[in-house]
Amino acid sequence: MITQIVLYNVNPKNPKAAEMIVAKAKETLGWIPNTTVTVGQAIDSSRAVASSNGKVVKITTWPDETARQAYMRHPLLRKWCEFVLKGWMLEDSQQSDVVTEFIDHILFGQQKRNRVRNPEIPEEEVVWAGEEIILFSHN
């Protein structure tokens, strides 16, 4: 099995960002074959090392690498990315379609590039402010 844990940092200027991310994940990602998705808002912890404020956690599990690759190319994942990544673009973008370029970079990019807010998208529509991804295999 392969599991991916994503910790989404939500937009602090959008008070509904976390609940919007959770609702959209349940609406879209749960329909992708051979994929199990659990998503929710991180809860506060009293531990000194914890940093859960303003985060959403998504745990995705696949039976094997073939299923994970199918997920990465599934149209519902693309729909999810269009929602979550709305309002962001690559800093040095020269493309006419900055949305597709940014999504492709987040999903498949090998090289680190700076991201910036797209000024054409209102702040209340922006939910994402970054993420950390952990991918591991297990039995």
N, C-alpha and C. Protein backbone atom coordinates (compact mmCIF):
# COMPACT_ATOMS: atom_id res chain seq x y z
N MET A 1 0.84 -1.18 0.00
CA MET A 1 0.00 0.00 0.00
C MET A 1 0.88 1.25 0.00
N ILE A 2 0.32 2.30 -0.53
CA ILE A 2 1.00 3.59 -0.55
C ILE A 2 0.07 4.61 0.09
N THR A 3 0.62 5.42 0.98
CA THR A 3 -0.15 6.46 1.66
C THR A 3 0.53 7.80 1.46
N GLN A 4 -0.30 8.80 1.25
CA GLN A 4 0.18 10.17 1.13
C GLN A 4 -0.53 11.00 2.20
N ILE A 5 0.24 11.75 2.95
CA ILE A 5 -0.33 12.68 3.93
C ILE A 5 0.00 14.09 3.45
N VAL A 6 -1.04 14.90 3.30
CA VAL A 6 -0.85 16.29 2.89
C VAL A 6 -1.37 17.19 4.00
N LEU A 7 -0.52 18.10 4.45
CA LEU A 7 -0.91 19.12 5.42
C LEU A 7 -1.06 20.43 4.65
N TYR A 8 -2.30 20.85 4.48
CA TYR A 8 -2.56 22.09 3.76
C TYR A 8 -2.54 23.26 4.73
N ASN A 9 -1.78 24.28 4.39
CA ASN A 9 -1.86 25.56 5.10
C ASN A 9 -2.98 26.34 4.42
N VAL A 10 -3.93 26.81 5.21
CA VAL A 10 -5.06 27.52 4.61
C VAL A 10 -4.81 29.02 4.60
N ASN A 11 -5.50 29.69 3.72
CA ASN A 11 -5.38 31.13 3.56
C ASN A 11 -5.90 31.82 4.82
N PRO A 12 -5.05 32.51 5.58
CA PRO A 12 -5.51 33.16 6.81
C PRO A 12 -6.46 34.33 6.56
N LYS A 13 -6.53 34.80 5.31
CA LYS A 13 -7.43 35.90 4.98
C LYS A 13 -8.81 35.42 4.57
N ASN A 14 -9.00 34.09 4.53
CA ASN A 14 -10.30 33.51 4.19
C ASN A 14 -10.74 32.63 5.37
N PRO A 15 -11.63 33.14 6.23
CA PRO A 15 -12.01 32.39 7.43
C PRO A 15 -12.75 31.08 7.13
N LYS A 16 -13.24 30.90 5.93
CA LYS A 16 -13.96 29.67 5.57
C LYS A 16 -13.09 28.69 4.79
N ALA A 17 -11.82 29.01 4.62
CA ALA A 17 -10.95 28.21 3.76
C ALA A 17 -10.89 26.75 4.19
N ALA A 18 -10.69 26.47 5.47
CA ALA A 18 -10.55 25.07 5.92
C ALA A 18 -11.82 24.27 5.63
N GLU A 19 -12.96 24.81 5.98
CA GLU A 19 -14.20 24.07 5.73
C GLU A 19 -14.49 23.93 4.23
N MET A 20 -14.07 24.89 3.44
CA MET A 20 -14.24 24.79 1.98
C MET A 20 -13.38 23.67 1.42
N ILE A 21 -12.14 23.55 1.90
CA ILE A 21 -11.24 22.50 1.43
C ILE A 21 -11.80 21.13 1.79
N VAL A 22 -12.24 20.96 3.03
CA VAL A 22 -12.78 19.67 3.47
C VAL A 22 -14.00 19.28 2.64
N ALA A 23 -14.91 20.21 2.44
CA ALA A 23 -16.13 19.92 1.67
C ALA A 23 -15.81 19.54 0.23
N LYS A 24 -14.90 20.26 -0.41
CA LYS A 24 -14.56 19.99 -1.81
C LYS A 24 -13.84 18.65 -1.94
N ALA A 25 -12.99 18.31 -0.98
CA ALA A 25 -12.29 17.02 -1.02
C ALA A 25 -13.30 15.88 -0.96
N LYS A 26 -14.26 15.99 -0.06
CA LYS A 26 -15.27 14.94 0.08
C LYS A 26 -16.14 14.84 -1.18
N GLU A 27 -16.40 15.97 -1.80
CA GLU A 27 -17.23 16.02 -3.01
C GLU A 27 -16.53 15.42 -4.22
N THR A 28 -15.22 15.56 -4.32
CA THR A 28 -14.52 15.15 -5.54
C THR A 28 -13.65 13.91 -5.38
N LEU A 29 -12.76 13.90 -4.40
CA LEU A 29 -11.71 12.88 -4.34
C LEU A 29 -12.21 11.50 -3.96
N GLY A 30 -13.29 11.42 -3.23
CA GLY A 30 -13.82 10.13 -2.81
C GLY A 30 -14.37 9.27 -3.95
N TRP A 31 -14.49 9.85 -5.12
CA TRP A 31 -15.05 9.13 -6.27
C TRP A 31 -13.98 8.55 -7.17
N ILE A 32 -12.73 8.75 -6.86
CA ILE A 32 -11.65 8.24 -7.71
C ILE A 32 -11.42 6.76 -7.38
N PRO A 33 -11.47 5.88 -8.39
CA PRO A 33 -11.31 4.44 -8.14
C PRO A 33 -9.98 4.07 -7.48
N ASN A 34 -10.01 3.02 -6.68
CA ASN A 34 -8.83 2.47 -6.01
C ASN A 34 -8.13 3.49 -5.11
N THR A 35 -8.91 4.43 -4.58
CA THR A 35 -8.37 5.49 -3.75
C THR A 35 -9.23 5.65 -2.51
N THR A 36 -8.60 5.69 -1.36
CA THR A 36 -9.31 5.98 -0.12
C THR A 36 -8.80 7.32 0.40
N VAL A 37 -9.74 8.24 0.67
CA VAL A 37 -9.37 9.59 1.11
C VAL A 37 -10.05 9.88 2.45
N THR A 38 -9.25 10.36 3.39
CA THR A 38 -9.76 10.86 4.66
C THR A 38 -9.29 12.30 4.77
N VAL A 39 -10.20 13.20 5.11
CA VAL A 39 -9.83 14.62 5.18
C VAL A 39 -10.55 15.27 6.35
N GLY A 40 -9.87 16.23 6.99
CA GLY A 40 -10.49 16.96 8.09
C GLY A 40 -9.61 18.10 8.54
N GLN A 41 -10.20 18.97 9.33
CA GLN A 41 -9.45 20.08 9.88
C GLN A 41 -8.58 19.57 11.02
N ALA A 42 -7.35 20.03 11.05
CA ALA A 42 -6.45 19.66 12.15
C ALA A 42 -6.99 20.24 13.44
N ILE A 43 -6.85 19.49 14.52
CA ILE A 43 -7.30 19.97 15.82
C ILE A 43 -6.10 20.45 16.63
N ASP A 44 -6.35 21.39 17.51
CA ASP A 44 -5.28 21.93 18.34
C ASP A 44 -4.73 20.86 19.26
N SER A 45 -3.45 20.93 19.48
CA SER A 45 -2.78 20.01 20.37
C SER A 45 -2.06 20.81 21.45
N SER A 46 -1.98 20.26 22.62
CA SER A 46 -1.28 20.95 23.71
C SER A 46 0.23 20.70 23.67
N ARG A 47 0.67 19.84 22.76
CA ARG A 47 2.10 19.52 22.68
C ARG A 47 2.89 20.71 22.16
N ALA A 48 4.02 20.94 22.75
CA ALA A 48 4.86 22.08 22.38
C ALA A 48 5.35 21.99 20.93
N VAL A 49 5.49 20.79 20.40
CA VAL A 49 6.01 20.62 19.04
C VAL A 49 4.91 20.65 17.99
N ALA A 50 3.66 20.72 18.41
CA ALA A 50 2.53 20.68 17.47
C ALA A 50 2.33 22.04 16.82
N SER A 51 1.95 21.99 15.57
CA SER A 51 1.64 23.20 14.80
C SER A 51 0.47 22.89 13.89
N SER A 52 -0.74 22.89 14.45
CA SER A 52 -1.89 22.47 13.66
C SER A 52 -2.85 23.60 13.33
N ASN A 53 -2.61 24.79 13.85
CA ASN A 53 -3.52 25.89 13.56
C ASN A 53 -3.54 26.22 12.07
N GLY A 54 -4.73 26.40 11.54
CA GLY A 54 -4.86 26.79 10.13
C GLY A 54 -4.46 25.72 9.15
N LYS A 55 -4.65 24.46 9.52
CA LYS A 55 -4.26 23.38 8.61
C LYS A 55 -5.43 22.43 8.38
N VAL A 56 -5.41 21.83 7.21
CA VAL A 56 -6.30 20.74 6.86
C VAL A 56 -5.42 19.55 6.54
N VAL A 57 -5.83 18.36 6.98
CA VAL A 57 -5.06 17.15 6.74
C VAL A 57 -5.83 16.27 5.76
N LYS A 58 -5.13 15.79 4.73
CA LYS A 58 -5.72 14.84 3.77
C LYS A 58 -4.82 13.61 3.72
N ILE A 59 -5.42 12.46 3.99
CA ILE A 59 -4.69 11.19 3.94
C ILE A 59 -5.28 10.38 2.80
N THR A 60 -4.44 10.02 1.84
CA THR A 60 -4.88 9.28 0.66
C THR A 60 -4.11 7.96 0.61
N THR A 61 -4.83 6.87 0.36
CA THR A 61 -4.21 5.55 0.31
C THR A 61 -4.59 4.85 -0.98
N TRP A 62 -3.58 4.16 -1.56
CA TRP A 62 -3.77 3.37 -2.78
C TRP A 62 -3.22 1.97 -2.55
N PRO A 63 -3.75 0.99 -3.24
CA PRO A 63 -3.24 -0.38 -3.07
C PRO A 63 -1.84 -0.57 -3.67
N ASP A 64 -1.49 0.25 -4.68
CA ASP A 64 -0.20 0.08 -5.35
C ASP A 64 0.14 1.33 -6.17
N GLU A 65 1.32 1.32 -6.76
CA GLU A 65 1.80 2.47 -7.54
C GLU A 65 0.95 2.70 -8.79
N THR A 66 0.42 1.65 -9.40
CA THR A 66 -0.43 1.80 -10.58
C THR A 66 -1.67 2.61 -10.23
N ALA A 67 -2.29 2.32 -9.09
CA ALA A 67 -3.47 3.07 -8.65
C ALA A 67 -3.11 4.52 -8.33
N ARG A 68 -1.96 4.74 -7.72
CA ARG A 68 -1.53 6.11 -7.41
C ARG A 68 -1.30 6.92 -8.68
N GLN A 69 -0.68 6.31 -9.67
CA GLN A 69 -0.45 7.01 -10.93
C GLN A 69 -1.77 7.34 -11.64
N ALA A 70 -2.73 6.41 -11.58
CA ALA A 70 -4.05 6.66 -12.17
C ALA A 70 -4.72 7.84 -11.46
N TYR A 71 -4.59 7.90 -10.15
CA TYR A 71 -5.14 9.01 -9.36
C TYR A 71 -4.51 10.34 -9.79
N MET A 72 -3.20 10.34 -9.97
CA MET A 72 -2.50 11.58 -10.32
C MET A 72 -2.96 12.15 -11.66
N ARG A 73 -3.52 11.32 -12.51
CA ARG A 73 -3.97 11.77 -13.83
C ARG A 73 -5.49 11.81 -13.96
N HIS A 74 -6.19 11.54 -12.87
CA HIS A 74 -7.65 11.46 -12.91
C HIS A 74 -8.27 12.87 -13.04
N PRO A 75 -9.33 13.03 -13.84
CA PRO A 75 -9.96 14.34 -14.01
C PRO A 75 -10.52 14.93 -12.71
N LEU A 76 -10.95 14.08 -11.77
CA LEU A 76 -11.45 14.61 -10.50
C LEU A 76 -10.32 15.19 -9.65
N LEU A 77 -9.12 14.65 -9.76
CA LEU A 77 -7.98 15.26 -9.07
C LEU A 77 -7.70 16.62 -9.69
N ARG A 78 -7.77 16.72 -10.99
CA ARG A 78 -7.57 18.00 -11.68
C ARG A 78 -8.61 19.02 -11.20
N LYS A 79 -9.87 18.59 -11.09
CA LYS A 79 -10.95 19.47 -10.60
C LYS A 79 -10.64 19.93 -9.18
N TRP A 80 -10.18 19.01 -8.33
CA TRP A 80 -9.80 19.34 -6.96
C TRP A 80 -8.67 20.38 -6.95
N CYS A 81 -7.66 20.18 -7.77
CA CYS A 81 -6.54 21.10 -7.83
C CYS A 81 -6.96 22.48 -8.32
N GLU A 82 -7.86 22.52 -9.28
CA GLU A 82 -8.35 23.81 -9.78
C GLU A 82 -8.99 24.60 -8.65
N PHE A 83 -9.70 23.92 -7.76
CA PHE A 83 -10.32 24.58 -6.62
C PHE A 83 -9.27 24.98 -5.58
N VAL A 84 -8.48 24.03 -5.13
CA VAL A 84 -7.55 24.29 -4.03
C VAL A 84 -6.46 25.30 -4.42
N LEU A 85 -5.97 25.23 -5.61
CA LEU A 85 -4.85 26.08 -6.02
C LEU A 85 -5.29 27.38 -6.68
N LYS A 86 -6.59 27.63 -6.71
CA LYS A 86 -7.11 28.85 -7.33
C LYS A 86 -6.48 30.08 -6.66
N GLY A 87 -6.06 31.00 -7.50
CA GLY A 87 -5.49 32.24 -7.00
C GLY A 87 -3.98 32.27 -6.94
N TRP A 88 -3.33 31.18 -7.39
CA TRP A 88 -1.87 31.11 -7.36
C TRP A 88 -1.32 30.88 -8.76
N MET A 89 -0.10 31.30 -8.97
CA MET A 89 0.58 31.09 -10.24
C MET A 89 2.08 31.08 -9.99
N LEU A 90 2.82 30.66 -10.99
CA LEU A 90 4.28 30.68 -10.88
C LEU A 90 4.78 32.10 -11.11
N GLU A 91 5.75 32.49 -10.32
CA GLU A 91 6.26 33.85 -10.35
C GLU A 91 6.76 34.25 -11.73
N ASP A 92 7.46 33.38 -12.40
CA ASP A 92 8.08 33.71 -13.69
C ASP A 92 7.27 33.20 -14.88
N SER A 93 5.97 33.04 -14.69
CA SER A 93 5.13 32.46 -15.74
C SER A 93 5.10 33.32 -17.00
N GLN A 94 5.25 32.64 -18.12
CA GLN A 94 5.11 33.29 -19.43
C GLN A 94 3.96 32.67 -20.21
N GLN A 95 3.23 31.77 -19.56
CA GLN A 95 2.16 31.03 -20.22
C GLN A 95 0.86 31.84 -20.28
N SER A 96 0.04 31.57 -21.27
CA SER A 96 -1.27 32.21 -21.33
C SER A 96 -2.24 31.54 -20.37
N ASP A 97 -2.01 30.27 -20.06
CA ASP A 97 -2.86 29.54 -19.12
C ASP A 97 -2.07 29.30 -17.83
N VAL A 98 -2.06 30.30 -16.95
CA VAL A 98 -1.26 30.21 -15.73
C VAL A 98 -1.83 29.18 -14.75
N VAL A 99 -3.13 28.90 -14.84
CA VAL A 99 -3.77 27.92 -13.95
C VAL A 99 -3.25 26.52 -14.24
N THR A 100 -3.32 26.09 -15.50
CA THR A 100 -2.85 24.76 -15.88
C THR A 100 -1.36 24.62 -15.61
N GLU A 101 -0.61 25.65 -15.92
CA GLU A 101 0.84 25.61 -15.68
C GLU A 101 1.13 25.39 -14.19
N PHE A 102 0.42 26.11 -13.31
CA PHE A 102 0.67 25.98 -11.88
C PHE A 102 0.25 24.61 -11.36
N ILE A 103 -0.90 24.12 -11.78
CA ILE A 103 -1.36 22.79 -11.35
C ILE A 103 -0.37 21.72 -11.80
N ASP A 104 0.04 21.77 -13.06
CA ASP A 104 1.01 20.79 -13.56
C ASP A 104 2.32 20.84 -12.77
N HIS A 105 2.73 22.05 -12.41
CA HIS A 105 3.95 22.19 -11.63
C HIS A 105 3.78 21.56 -10.24
N ILE A 106 2.67 21.82 -9.59
CA ILE A 106 2.43 21.27 -8.25
C ILE A 106 2.35 19.74 -8.31
N LEU A 107 1.66 19.20 -9.31
CA LEU A 107 1.49 17.75 -9.40
C LEU A 107 2.72 17.02 -9.91
N PHE A 108 3.42 17.59 -10.89
CA PHE A 108 4.48 16.85 -11.57
C PHE A 108 5.83 17.55 -11.64
N GLY A 109 5.91 18.78 -11.16
CA GLY A 109 7.14 19.55 -11.28
C GLY A 109 8.30 18.95 -10.52
N GLN A 110 9.45 18.99 -11.12
CA GLN A 110 10.66 18.46 -10.50
C GLN A 110 11.55 19.58 -9.95
N GLN A 111 11.39 20.76 -10.50
CA GLN A 111 12.24 21.88 -10.15
C GLN A 111 11.48 22.86 -9.26
N LYS A 112 12.13 23.35 -8.22
CA LYS A 112 11.50 24.31 -7.32
C LYS A 112 11.38 25.65 -8.03
N ARG A 113 10.16 26.19 -8.02
CA ARG A 113 9.91 27.52 -8.59
C ARG A 113 9.07 28.31 -7.60
N ASN A 114 9.24 29.60 -7.59
CA ASN A 114 8.49 30.45 -6.66
C ASN A 114 7.05 30.62 -7.13
N ARG A 115 6.15 30.65 -6.15
CA ARG A 115 4.74 30.89 -6.45
C ARG A 115 4.35 32.26 -5.93
N VAL A 116 3.39 32.86 -6.59
CA VAL A 116 2.88 34.17 -6.19
C VAL A 116 1.36 34.16 -6.33
N ARG A 117 0.71 35.09 -5.62
CA ARG A 117 -0.73 35.22 -5.75
C ARG A 117 -1.08 35.83 -7.10
N ASN A 118 -2.13 35.31 -7.70
CA ASN A 118 -2.66 35.86 -8.93
C ASN A 118 -3.59 37.01 -8.54
N PRO A 119 -3.24 38.23 -8.88
CA PRO A 119 -4.03 39.39 -8.42
C PRO A 119 -5.44 39.46 -9.02
N GLU A 120 -5.70 38.65 -10.02
CA GLU A 120 -7.03 38.66 -10.65
C GLU A 120 -8.07 37.88 -9.85
N ILE A 121 -7.64 37.10 -8.85
CA ILE A 121 -8.56 36.26 -8.08
C ILE A 121 -8.80 36.90 -6.72
N PRO A 122 -10.08 37.16 -6.36
CA PRO A 122 -10.39 37.77 -5.06
C PRO A 122 -9.95 36.88 -3.89
N GLU A 123 -9.51 37.52 -2.82
CA GLU A 123 -8.98 36.81 -1.65
C GLU A 123 -9.97 35.81 -1.05
N GLU A 124 -11.25 36.11 -1.07
CA GLU A 124 -12.24 35.21 -0.47
C GLU A 124 -12.42 33.91 -1.27
N GLU A 125 -11.88 33.86 -2.47
CA GLU A 125 -11.94 32.64 -3.28
C GLU A 125 -10.67 31.79 -3.13
N VAL A 126 -9.68 32.31 -2.44
CA VAL A 126 -8.40 31.62 -2.28
C VAL A 126 -8.41 30.85 -0.96
N VAL A 127 -8.16 29.54 -1.03
CA VAL A 127 -8.18 28.72 0.18
C VAL A 127 -6.79 28.19 0.56
N TRP A 128 -5.90 28.03 -0.40
CA TRP A 128 -4.60 27.38 -0.22
C TRP A 128 -3.53 28.41 0.08
N ALA A 129 -2.61 28.05 0.99
CA ALA A 129 -1.47 28.93 1.26
C ALA A 129 -0.17 28.12 1.33
N GLY A 130 -0.21 26.90 0.83
CA GLY A 130 0.97 26.05 0.84
C GLY A 130 0.63 24.68 1.39
N GLU A 131 1.61 23.77 1.30
CA GLU A 131 1.36 22.41 1.78
C GLU A 131 2.67 21.68 2.04
N GLU A 132 2.56 20.64 2.84
CA GLU A 132 3.66 19.70 3.05
C GLU A 132 3.13 18.33 2.67
N ILE A 133 3.93 17.54 1.97
CA ILE A 133 3.50 16.23 1.50
C ILE A 133 4.47 15.17 2.00
N ILE A 134 3.88 14.09 2.53
CA ILE A 134 4.67 12.93 2.94
C ILE A 134 4.08 11.74 2.20
N LEU A 135 4.90 11.01 1.48
CA LEU A 135 4.48 9.83 0.72
C LEU A 135 5.30 8.66 1.21
N PHE A 136 4.61 7.55 1.56
CA PHE A 136 5.35 6.37 2.02
C PHE A 136 4.62 5.09 1.65
N SER A 137 5.37 4.01 1.58
CA SER A 137 4.79 2.71 1.29
C SER A 137 4.80 1.88 2.56
N HIS A 138 3.84 0.97 2.67
CA HIS A 138 3.72 0.14 3.86
C HIS A 138 2.89 -1.10 3.55
N ASN A 139 2.90 -2.04 4.47
CA ASN A 139 2.09 -3.25 4.32
C ASN A 139 0.84 -3.14 5.14
